[in-house]
Amino acid sequence: MKAILFGVSLGLLLLWPAALSLTIEVLAYLVAQPLTVAFALGLAAGAQLHRARRWAR
């Protein structure tokens, strides 16, 4: 699913180059927000912890 969404987004950027600047602006805005960064790090850490718990059984 992630690969499909990634491919669609790349395809849109190739078809509509103006979307590149908009995408960069949105990503820069999201990265500047501490809550967004903390949420993304929490999701990544949660995925790692879930795997570790399953491995420890």
PDB file of N, CA and C in Angstrom:
ATOM      1  N   MET A   1       0.823  -1.190   0.000  1.00  0.00           N
ATOM      2  CA  MET A   1       0.000   0.000   0.000  1.00  0.00           C
ATOM      3  C   MET A   1       0.869   1.257   0.000  1.00  0.00           C
ATOM      4  N   LYS A   2       1.943   1.226   0.822  1.00  0.00           N
ATOM      5  CA  LYS A   2       2.831   2.378   0.857  1.00  0.00           C
ATOM      6  C   LYS A   2       3.482   2.610  -0.502  1.00  0.00           C
ATOM      7  N   ALA A   3       3.861   1.530  -1.162  1.00  0.00           N
ATOM      8  CA  ALA A   3       4.512   1.653  -2.470  1.00  0.00           C
ATOM      9  C   ALA A   3       3.553   2.256  -3.491  1.00  0.00           C
ATOM     10  N   ILE A   4       2.287   1.888  -3.420  1.00  0.00           N
ATOM     11  CA  ILE A   4       1.301   2.426  -4.352  1.00  0.00           C
ATOM     12  C   ILE A   4       1.117   3.927  -4.122  1.00  0.00           C
ATOM     13  N   LEU A   5       0.987   4.323  -2.853  1.00  0.00           N
ATOM     14  CA  LEU A   5       0.827   5.743  -2.551  1.00  0.00           C
ATOM     15  C   LEU A   5       2.064   6.536  -2.947  1.00  0.00           C
ATOM     16  N   PHE A   6       3.237   5.957  -2.720  1.00  0.00           N
ATOM     17  CA  PHE A   6       4.483   6.613  -3.106  1.00  0.00           C
ATOM     18  C   PHE A   6       4.549   6.779  -4.624  1.00  0.00           C
ATOM     19  N   GLY A   7       4.175   5.754  -5.350  1.00  0.00           N
ATOM     20  CA  GLY A   7       4.169   5.827  -6.809  1.00  0.00           C
ATOM     21  C   GLY A   7       3.182   6.842  -7.337  1.00  0.00           C
ATOM     22  N   VAL A   8       2.017   6.901  -6.736  1.00  0.00           N
ATOM     23  CA  VAL A   8       1.010   7.881  -7.155  1.00  0.00           C
ATOM     24  C   VAL A   8       1.516   9.295  -6.909  1.00  0.00           C
ATOM     25  N   SER A   9       2.121   9.513  -5.748  1.00  0.00           N
ATOM     26  CA  SER A   9       2.624  10.860  -5.454  1.00  0.00           C
ATOM     27  C   SER A   9       3.757  11.236  -6.409  1.00  0.00           C
ATOM     28  N   LEU A  10       4.648  10.310  -6.723  1.00  0.00           N
ATOM     29  CA  LEU A  10       5.709  10.611  -7.684  1.00  0.00           C
ATOM     30  C   LEU A  10       5.133  10.880  -9.074  1.00  0.00           C
ATOM     31  N   GLY A  11       4.139  10.120  -9.456  1.00  0.00           N
ATOM     32  CA  GLY A  11       3.489  10.340 -10.746  1.00  0.00           C
ATOM     33  C   GLY A  11       2.840  11.710 -10.836  1.00  0.00           C
ATOM     34  N   LEU A  12       2.182  12.125  -9.759  1.00  0.00           N
ATOM     35  CA  LEU A  12       1.568  13.455  -9.752  1.00  0.00           C
ATOM     36  C   LEU A  12       2.614  14.548  -9.849  1.00  0.00           C
ATOM     37  N   LEU A  13       3.748  14.342  -9.174  1.00  0.00           N
ATOM     38  CA  LEU A  13       4.804  15.350  -9.243  1.00  0.00           C
ATOM     39  C   LEU A  13       5.391  15.442 -10.644  1.00  0.00           C
ATOM     40  N   LEU A  14       5.467  14.320 -11.333  1.00  0.00           N
ATOM     41  CA  LEU A  14       5.975  14.351 -12.701  1.00  0.00           C
ATOM     42  C   LEU A  14       4.981  14.998 -13.658  1.00  0.00           C
ATOM     43  N   LEU A  15       3.696  14.745 -13.439  1.00  0.00           N
ATOM     44  CA  LEU A  15       2.677  15.306 -14.326  1.00  0.00           C
ATOM     45  C   LEU A  15       2.412  16.782 -14.043  1.00  0.00           C
ATOM     46  N   TRP A  16       2.565  17.169 -12.800  1.00  0.00           N
ATOM     47  CA  TRP A  16       2.241  18.529 -12.404  1.00  0.00           C
ATOM     48  C   TRP A  16       3.391  19.087 -11.575  1.00  0.00           C
ATOM     49  N   PRO A  17       4.434  19.641 -12.226  1.00  0.00           N
ATOM     50  CA  PRO A  17       5.636  20.097 -11.522  1.00  0.00           C
ATOM     51  C   PRO A  17       5.375  21.168 -10.469  1.00  0.00           C
ATOM     52  N   ALA A  18       4.310  21.922 -10.589  1.00  0.00           N
ATOM     53  CA  ALA A  18       4.009  22.939  -9.587  1.00  0.00           C
ATOM     54  C   ALA A  18       3.701  22.296  -8.236  1.00  0.00           C
ATOM     55  N   ALA A  19       3.304  21.036  -8.252  1.00  0.00           N
ATOM     56  CA  ALA A  19       2.997  20.347  -7.001  1.00  0.00           C
ATOM     57  C   ALA A  19       4.259  20.099  -6.182  1.00  0.00           C
ATOM     58  N   LEU A  20       5.422  20.120  -6.823  1.00  0.00           N
ATOM     59  CA  LEU A  20       6.663  19.889  -6.104  1.00  0.00           C
ATOM     60  C   LEU A  20       6.905  20.974  -5.066  1.00  0.00           C
ATOM     61  N   SER A  21       6.732  22.224  -5.453  1.00  0.00           N
ATOM     62  CA  SER A  21       6.944  23.313  -4.494  1.00  0.00           C
ATOM     63  C   SER A  21       5.902  23.257  -3.382  1.00  0.00           C
ATOM     64  N   LEU A  22       4.670  22.923  -3.731  1.00  0.00           N
ATOM     65  CA  LEU A  22       3.623  22.805  -2.722  1.00  0.00           C
ATOM     66  C   LEU A  22       3.936  21.668  -1.755  1.00  0.00           C
ATOM     67  N   THR A  23       4.411  20.550  -2.272  1.00  0.00           N
ATOM     68  CA  THR A  23       4.762  19.405  -1.431  1.00  0.00           C
ATOM     69  C   THR A  23       5.900  19.762  -0.491  1.00  0.00           C
ATOM     70  N   ILE A  24       6.906  20.458  -0.998  1.00  0.00           N
ATOM     71  CA  ILE A  24       8.039  20.850  -0.165  1.00  0.00           C
ATOM     72  C   ILE A  24       7.589  21.810   0.937  1.00  0.00           C
ATOM     73  N   GLU A  25       6.703  22.732   0.598  1.00  0.00           N
ATOM     74  CA  GLU A  25       6.192  23.678   1.594  1.00  0.00           C
ATOM     75  C   GLU A  25       5.407  22.961   2.680  1.00  0.00           C
ATOM     76  N   VAL A  26       4.567  22.013   2.294  1.00  0.00           N
ATOM     77  CA  VAL A  26       3.766  21.276   3.276  1.00  0.00           C
ATOM     78  C   VAL A  26       4.671  20.439   4.171  1.00  0.00           C
ATOM     79  N   LEU A  27       5.653  19.757   3.586  1.00  0.00           N
ATOM     80  CA  LEU A  27       6.583  18.957   4.385  1.00  0.00           C
ATOM     81  C   LEU A  27       7.396  19.826   5.327  1.00  0.00           C
ATOM     82  N   ALA A  28       7.851  20.975   4.873  1.00  0.00           N
ATOM     83  CA  ALA A  28       8.612  21.881   5.733  1.00  0.00           C
ATOM     84  C   ALA A  28       7.747  22.377   6.890  1.00  0.00           C
ATOM     85  N   TYR A  29       6.497  22.672   6.612  1.00  0.00           N
ATOM     86  CA  TYR A  29       5.585  23.111   7.670  1.00  0.00           C
ATOM     87  C   TYR A  29       5.369  22.009   8.700  1.00  0.00           C
ATOM     88  N   LEU A  30       5.170  20.768   8.228  1.00  0.00           N
ATOM     89  CA  LEU A  30       4.927  19.658   9.143  1.00  0.00           C
ATOM     90  C   LEU A  30       6.152  19.328   9.977  1.00  0.00           C
ATOM     91  N   VAL A  31       7.334  19.410   9.379  1.00  0.00           N
ATOM     92  CA  VAL A  31       8.561  19.115  10.114  1.00  0.00           C
ATOM     93  C   VAL A  31       8.835  20.197  11.151  1.00  0.00           C
ATOM     94  N   ALA A  32       8.379  21.414  10.900  1.00  0.00           N
ATOM     95  CA  ALA A  32       8.595  22.508  11.838  1.00  0.00           C
ATOM     96  C   ALA A  32       7.689  22.392  13.068  1.00  0.00           C
ATOM     97  N   GLN A  33       6.660  21.568  13.003  1.00  0.00           N
ATOM     98  CA  GLN A  33       5.736  21.414  14.124  1.00  0.00           C
ATOM     99  C   GLN A  33       6.239  20.318  15.062  1.00  0.00           C
ATOM    100  N   PRO A  34       6.554  20.645  16.315  1.00  0.00           N
ATOM    101  CA  PRO A  34       7.074  19.638  17.242  1.00  0.00           C
ATOM    102  C   PRO A  34       6.092  18.489  17.488  1.00  0.00           C
ATOM    103  N   LEU A  35       4.811  18.779  17.499  1.00  0.00           N
ATOM    104  CA  LEU A  35       3.819  17.735  17.742  1.00  0.00           C
ATOM    105  C   LEU A  35       3.824  16.699  16.623  1.00  0.00           C
ATOM    106  N   THR A  36       3.958  17.153  15.389  1.00  0.00           N
ATOM    107  CA  THR A  36       3.992  16.240  14.245  1.00  0.00           C
ATOM    108  C   THR A  36       5.224  15.358  14.289  1.00  0.00           C
ATOM    109  N   VAL A  37       6.365  15.963  14.614  1.00  0.00           N
ATOM    110  CA  VAL A  37       7.613  15.192  14.696  1.00  0.00           C
ATOM    111  C   VAL A  37       7.523  14.177  15.827  1.00  0.00           C
ATOM    112  N   ALA A  38       6.995  14.575  16.971  1.00  0.00           N
ATOM    113  CA  ALA A  38       6.862  13.664  18.102  1.00  0.00           C
ATOM    114  C   ALA A  38       5.913  12.513  17.774  1.00  0.00           C
ATOM    115  N   PHE A  39       4.835  12.796  17.066  1.00  0.00           N
ATOM    116  CA  PHE A  39       3.893  11.754  16.679  1.00  0.00           C
ATOM    117  C   PHE A  39       4.546  10.751  15.739  1.00  0.00           C
ATOM    118  N   ALA A  40       5.302  11.246  14.751  1.00  0.00           N
ATOM    119  CA  ALA A  40       5.979  10.350  13.810  1.00  0.00           C
ATOM    120  C   ALA A  40       7.026   9.496  14.516  1.00  0.00           C
ATOM    121  N   LEU A  41       7.778  10.088  15.427  1.00  0.00           N
ATOM    122  CA  LEU A  41       8.774   9.323  16.186  1.00  0.00           C
ATOM    123  C   LEU A  41       8.098   8.290  17.090  1.00  0.00           C
ATOM    124  N   GLY A  42       6.966   8.660  17.657  1.00  0.00           N
ATOM    125  CA  GLY A  42       6.221   7.711  18.491  1.00  0.00           C
ATOM    126  C   GLY A  42       5.710   6.528  17.694  1.00  0.00           C
ATOM    127  N   LEU A  43       5.239   6.782  16.478  1.00  0.00           N
ATOM    128  CA  LEU A  43       4.795   5.683  15.621  1.00  0.00           C
ATOM    129  C   LEU A  43       5.952   4.760  15.273  1.00  0.00           C
ATOM    130  N   ALA A  44       7.097   5.342  14.965  1.00  0.00           N
ATOM    131  CA  ALA A  44       8.266   4.531  14.617  1.00  0.00           C
ATOM    132  C   ALA A  44       8.743   3.723  15.817  1.00  0.00           C
ATOM    133  N   ALA A  45       8.779   4.349  16.982  1.00  0.00           N
ATOM    134  CA  ALA A  45       9.225   3.644  18.185  1.00  0.00           C
ATOM    135  C   ALA A  45       8.230   2.567  18.589  1.00  0.00           C
ATOM    136  N   GLY A  46       6.945   2.849  18.439  1.00  0.00           N
ATOM    137  CA  GLY A  46       5.923   1.858  18.772  1.00  0.00           C
ATOM    138  C   GLY A  46       6.028   0.624  17.905  1.00  0.00           C
ATOM    139  N   ALA A  47       6.335   0.813  16.653  1.00  0.00           N
ATOM    140  CA  ALA A  47       6.491  -0.326  15.748  1.00  0.00           C
ATOM    141  C   ALA A  47       7.700  -1.160  16.151  1.00  0.00           C
ATOM    142  N   GLN A  48       8.769  -0.520  16.548  1.00  0.00           N
ATOM    143  CA  GLN A  48       9.963  -1.238  16.967  1.00  0.00           C
ATOM    144  C   GLN A  48       9.725  -1.980  18.284  1.00  0.00           C
ATOM    145  N   LEU A  49       9.030  -1.351  19.210  1.00  0.00           N
ATOM    146  CA  LEU A  49       8.766  -1.992  20.501  1.00  0.00           C
ATOM    147  C   LEU A  49       7.843  -3.188  20.336  1.00  0.00           C
ATOM    148  N   HIS A  50       6.891  -3.083  19.436  1.00  0.00           N
ATOM    149  CA  HIS A  50       5.979  -4.196  19.207  1.00  0.00           C
ATOM    150  C   HIS A  50       6.738  -5.404  18.678  1.00  0.00           C
ATOM    151  N   ARG A  51       7.670  -5.169  17.774  1.00  0.00           N
ATOM    152  CA  ARG A  51       8.482  -6.263  17.243  1.00  0.00           C
ATOM    153  C   ARG A  51       9.363  -6.861  18.321  1.00  0.00           C
ATOM    154  N   ALA A  52       9.907  -6.016  19.190  1.00  0.00           N
ATOM    155  CA  ALA A  52      10.788  -6.505  20.247  1.00  0.00           C
ATOM    156  C   ALA A  52      10.000  -7.376  21.231  1.00  0.00           C
ATOM    157  N   ARG A  53       8.789  -6.960  21.570  1.00  0.00           N
ATOM    158  CA  ARG A  53       7.986  -7.758  22.498  1.00  0.00           C
ATOM    159  C   ARG A  53       7.643  -9.115  21.896  1.00  0.00           C
ATOM    160  N   ARG A  54       7.335  -9.141  20.636  1.00  0.00           N
ATOM    161  CA  ARG A  54       6.995 -10.399  19.978  1.00  0.00           C
ATOM    162  C   ARG A  54       8.235 -11.317  19.935  1.00  0.00           C
ATOM    163  N   TRP A  55       9.409 -10.732  19.728  1.00  0.00           N
ATOM    164  CA  TRP A  55      10.645 -11.506  19.660  1.00  0.00           C
ATOM    165  C   TRP A  55      11.005 -12.086  21.015  1.00  0.00           C
ATOM    166  N   ALA A  56      10.645 -11.383  22.099  1.00  0.00           N
ATOM    167  CA  ALA A  56      11.048 -11.814  23.439  1.00  0.00           C
ATOM    168  C   ALA A  56      10.222 -12.993  23.954  1.00  0.00           C
ATOM    169  N   ARG A  57       9.122 -13.268  23.329  1.00  0.00           N
ATOM    170  CA  ARG A  57       8.264 -14.340  23.842  1.00  0.00           C
ATOM    171  C   ARG A  57       8.889 -15.699  23.690  1.00  0.00           C
TER     172      ARG A  57
END
